[in-house]
């Protein structure tokens, strides 16, 4: 009986060891073929390496190419049916990195940073007369998604080397949005400037799949180029400022 029990335990140990070896060396391309339907709208191409340490030559979301994706995951986290590790994205116009901890319907990003062109805001702001210049610099202490939708966020989004071109051209001070979450499902942002020629103030609210923003823009001091550019932004107020109102719906990310 002892020999039988010992043999059974040895067999179980060998099976577990075999599964660990298979999991540790599982090609990332093989794992992706099985997981691809659940990862939509994310698509990976040119996959190399293992499930735990690999890269994709091209990552895209909703058919929008983002760049090369690299990842390092903790194999032991898989025992708890979760993914934990680090990811970095490097594209022509976009760079990003983050630590992540994800389960089937929840994803937590920590110490996340990203840099991308300000022009990506153009569809949301809907100012066809002007092209947005400069870069968006995102720093997040934490961001949580549940069922693919934003749940909480704490961090700062800064519009660096800000400017516009087109019907009018102007360069102005940085614009900053500081985000926090007073409760689950609600993200609030406070809009401010760094004290240059652009006087910016307002708020951004993201609640579940809806977002809305109201920002007052005015010239601080004397800047005729900026004053001309603001004529094409939002609604004119009684004091000569521009009031920009934006609202819309966010897509599910997974």
Foldseek 3Di string as FASTA:
>chain_A
DVVVVVVVVVVVVVVVVVVVVCQVFAWCVVVCVVCVVLQPPKDFACWGGHVAWTKGQWIDHPPHTFGIKTWHWDPVVVVVQKTWTKMWGDDPFKTKIWTWIGHSFKIKTAQIKMKGFPQVCCVQQVLVQKGKGAMKIWTWRMWMGGNQWTWWTFTKIKGPQTWIDGPFTDTKFMKMWTWGDPHTQKIKIWIATDPIQKGKTWIWIGGTFKIKIKMKIDTDDDDVRVLVVQVSGADADPVGIHIGIGMDTHDRSD
